[in-house]
Amino acid sequence: MEIPDIAIKRLESNMTSASKVVLVAGGTGGLGRAVSLAFLKEDARVAVTYRKQEEFDILKDLADGKSSLLGGQIVDVTDETEVDEPSK
């Protein structure tokens, strides 16, 4: 899934990415993956939540040498106890 050009232009105009840390819930699939990759492209540090390790591994492979800026944690957002856990 691609992010529309207008969204990328807004993203670029509103940030100096090297100073940004971004949390993308569901950051490994569909729109979340596209958002994660867009922020990585701009050198932001990106933390993602995801449900399947293989999806996170694919995101790391797509990060084009910027996987050192990427971190993640498995979280099932339908489970309230798991949602509370990353913040502790």
C-alpha atoms as a PDB file:
ATOM      1  CA  MET A   1       0.000   0.000   0.000  1.00  0.00           C
ATOM      2  CA  GLU A   2       1.363   3.390  -0.994  1.00  0.00           C
ATOM      3  CA  ILE A   3       0.884   6.623   0.921  1.00  0.00           C
ATOM      4  CA  PRO A   4      -0.582   9.381  -1.264  1.00  0.00           C
ATOM      5  CA  ASP A   5       1.919  12.061  -2.311  1.00  0.00           C
ATOM      6  CA  ILE A   6      -0.014  14.771  -0.464  1.00  0.00           C
ATOM      7  CA  ALA A   7       0.350  12.864   2.805  1.00  0.00           C
ATOM      8  CA  ILE A   8       4.087  12.451   2.276  1.00  0.00           C
ATOM      9  CA  LYS A   9       4.468  16.164   1.504  1.00  0.00           C
ATOM     10  CA  ARG A  10       2.645  17.050   4.723  1.00  0.00           C
ATOM     11  CA  LEU A  11       4.797  14.593   6.622  1.00  0.00           C
ATOM     12  CA  GLU A  12       7.979  16.079   5.189  1.00  0.00           C
ATOM     13  CA  SER A  13       6.912  19.663   5.845  1.00  0.00           C
ATOM     14  CA  ASN A  14       5.957  19.008   9.461  1.00  0.00           C
ATOM     15  CA  MET A  15       9.063  17.301  10.739  1.00  0.00           C
ATOM     16  CA  THR A  16      12.775  17.184  10.931  1.00  0.00           C
ATOM     17  CA  SER A  17      12.856  13.424  11.113  1.00  0.00           C
ATOM     18  CA  ALA A  18      16.240  12.970  12.682  1.00  0.00           C
ATOM     19  CA  SER A  19      14.789  14.421  15.876  1.00  0.00           C
ATOM     20  CA  LYS A  20      11.561  12.382  15.813  1.00  0.00           C
ATOM     21  CA  VAL A  21      10.522   9.158  17.467  1.00  0.00           C
ATOM     22  CA  VAL A  22       7.322   7.652  16.107  1.00  0.00           C
ATOM     23  CA  LEU A  23       5.092   4.873  17.429  1.00  0.00           C
ATOM     24  CA  VAL A  24       3.037   3.131  14.745  1.00  0.00           C
ATOM     25  CA  ALA A  25       0.400   0.758  16.112  1.00  0.00           C
ATOM     26  CA  GLY A  26      -0.034  -2.049  13.606  1.00  0.00           C
ATOM     27  CA  GLY A  27       3.106  -0.861  11.904  1.00  0.00           C
ATOM     28  CA  THR A  28       3.872  -3.991   9.886  1.00  0.00           C
ATOM     29  CA  GLY A  29       0.877  -4.407   7.613  1.00  0.00           C
ATOM     30  CA  GLY A  30      -0.872  -2.386   4.945  1.00  0.00           C
ATOM     31  CA  LEU A  31      -1.099   1.296   5.780  1.00  0.00           C
ATOM     32  CA  GLY A  32       0.941   0.868   8.974  1.00  0.00           C
ATOM     33  CA  ARG A  33       3.835  -0.589   6.993  1.00  0.00           C
ATOM     34  CA  ALA A  34       3.683   2.265   4.478  1.00  0.00           C
ATOM     35  CA  VAL A  35       3.682   4.836   7.300  1.00  0.00           C
ATOM     36  CA  SER A  36       6.566   3.085   9.079  1.00  0.00           C
ATOM     37  CA  LEU A  37       8.645   2.987   5.900  1.00  0.00           C
ATOM     38  CA  ALA A  38       7.891   6.645   5.124  1.00  0.00           C
ATOM     39  CA  PHE A  39       9.162   7.711   8.549  1.00  0.00           C
ATOM     40  CA  LEU A  40      12.235   5.481   8.250  1.00  0.00           C
ATOM     41  CA  LYS A  41      12.965   7.002   4.846  1.00  0.00           C
ATOM     42  CA  GLU A  42      13.079  10.384   6.606  1.00  0.00           C
ATOM     43  CA  ASP A  43      15.486   9.005   9.264  1.00  0.00           C
ATOM     44  CA  ALA A  44      12.965   9.013  12.102  1.00  0.00           C
ATOM     45  CA  ARG A  45      13.306   6.402  14.837  1.00  0.00           C
ATOM     46  CA  VAL A  46      10.266   4.127  14.486  1.00  0.00           C
ATOM     47  CA  ALA A  47       8.710   1.816  17.061  1.00  0.00           C
ATOM     48  CA  VAL A  48       5.959  -0.488  15.852  1.00  0.00           C
ATOM     49  CA  THR A  49       3.501  -2.861  17.434  1.00  0.00           C
ATOM     50  CA  TYR A  50       2.678  -6.000  15.505  1.00  0.00           C
ATOM     51  CA  ARG A  51       1.030  -9.388  15.875  1.00  0.00           C
ATOM     52  CA  LYS A  52       3.270 -11.676  13.804  1.00  0.00           C
ATOM     53  CA  GLN A  53       7.062 -11.865  13.986  1.00  0.00           C
ATOM     54  CA  GLU A  54       7.332 -12.686  10.284  1.00  0.00           C
ATOM     55  CA  GLU A  55       5.596  -9.393   9.415  1.00  0.00           C
ATOM     56  CA  PHE A  56       8.143  -7.474  11.510  1.00  0.00           C
ATOM     57  CA  ASP A  57      10.967  -9.382   9.791  1.00  0.00           C
ATOM     58  CA  ILE A  58       9.575  -8.347   6.393  1.00  0.00           C
ATOM     59  CA  LEU A  59       9.410  -4.706   7.539  1.00  0.00           C
ATOM     60  CA  LYS A  60      13.059  -4.878   8.636  1.00  0.00           C
ATOM     61  CA  ASP A  61      13.992  -6.280   5.214  1.00  0.00           C
ATOM     62  CA  LEU A  62      12.138  -3.432   3.491  1.00  0.00           C
ATOM     63  CA  ALA A  63      13.814  -0.775   5.650  1.00  0.00           C
ATOM     64  CA  ASP A  64      16.639  -0.310   3.103  1.00  0.00           C
ATOM     65  CA  GLY A  65      19.548  -0.230   5.532  1.00  0.00           C
ATOM     66  CA  LYS A  66      17.658   1.737   8.168  1.00  0.00           C
ATOM     67  CA  SER A  67      16.589  -1.200  10.303  1.00  0.00           C
ATOM     68  CA  SER A  68      18.795   0.147  13.110  1.00  0.00           C
ATOM     69  CA  LEU A  69      16.193   2.921  13.464  1.00  0.00           C
ATOM     70  CA  LEU A  70      13.397   0.342  13.834  1.00  0.00           C
ATOM     71  CA  GLY A  71      12.159  -1.365  16.978  1.00  0.00           C
ATOM     72  CA  GLY A  72       9.035  -3.325  17.716  1.00  0.00           C
ATOM     73  CA  GLN A  73       6.993  -5.363  20.102  1.00  0.00           C
ATOM     74  CA  ILE A  74       4.302  -7.987  19.615  1.00  0.00           C
ATOM     75  CA  VAL A  75       1.018  -6.588  20.949  1.00  0.00           C
ATOM     76  CA  ASP A  76      -2.545  -7.803  20.449  1.00  0.00           C
ATOM     77  CA  VAL A  77      -4.560  -4.593  20.757  1.00  0.00           C
ATOM     78  CA  THR A  78      -7.721  -6.628  21.387  1.00  0.00           C
ATOM     79  CA  ASP A  79      -6.189  -7.737  24.717  1.00  0.00           C
ATOM     80  CA  GLU A  80      -6.260  -4.851  27.219  1.00  0.00           C
ATOM     81  CA  THR A  81      -3.466  -6.328  29.350  1.00  0.00           C
ATOM     82  CA  GLU A  82      -1.125  -6.410  26.344  1.00  0.00           C
ATOM     83  CA  VAL A  83      -1.965  -2.828  25.397  1.00  0.00           C
ATOM     84  CA  ASP A  84      -1.021  -1.618  28.890  1.00  0.00           C
ATOM     85  CA  GLU A  85       2.245  -3.606  28.923  1.00  0.00           C
ATOM     86  CA  PRO A  86       4.339  -1.613  26.365  1.00  0.00           C
ATOM     87  CA  SER A  87       3.918   1.557  28.392  1.00  0.00           C
ATOM     88  CA  LYS A  88       5.480  -0.004  31.516  1.00  0.00           C
END
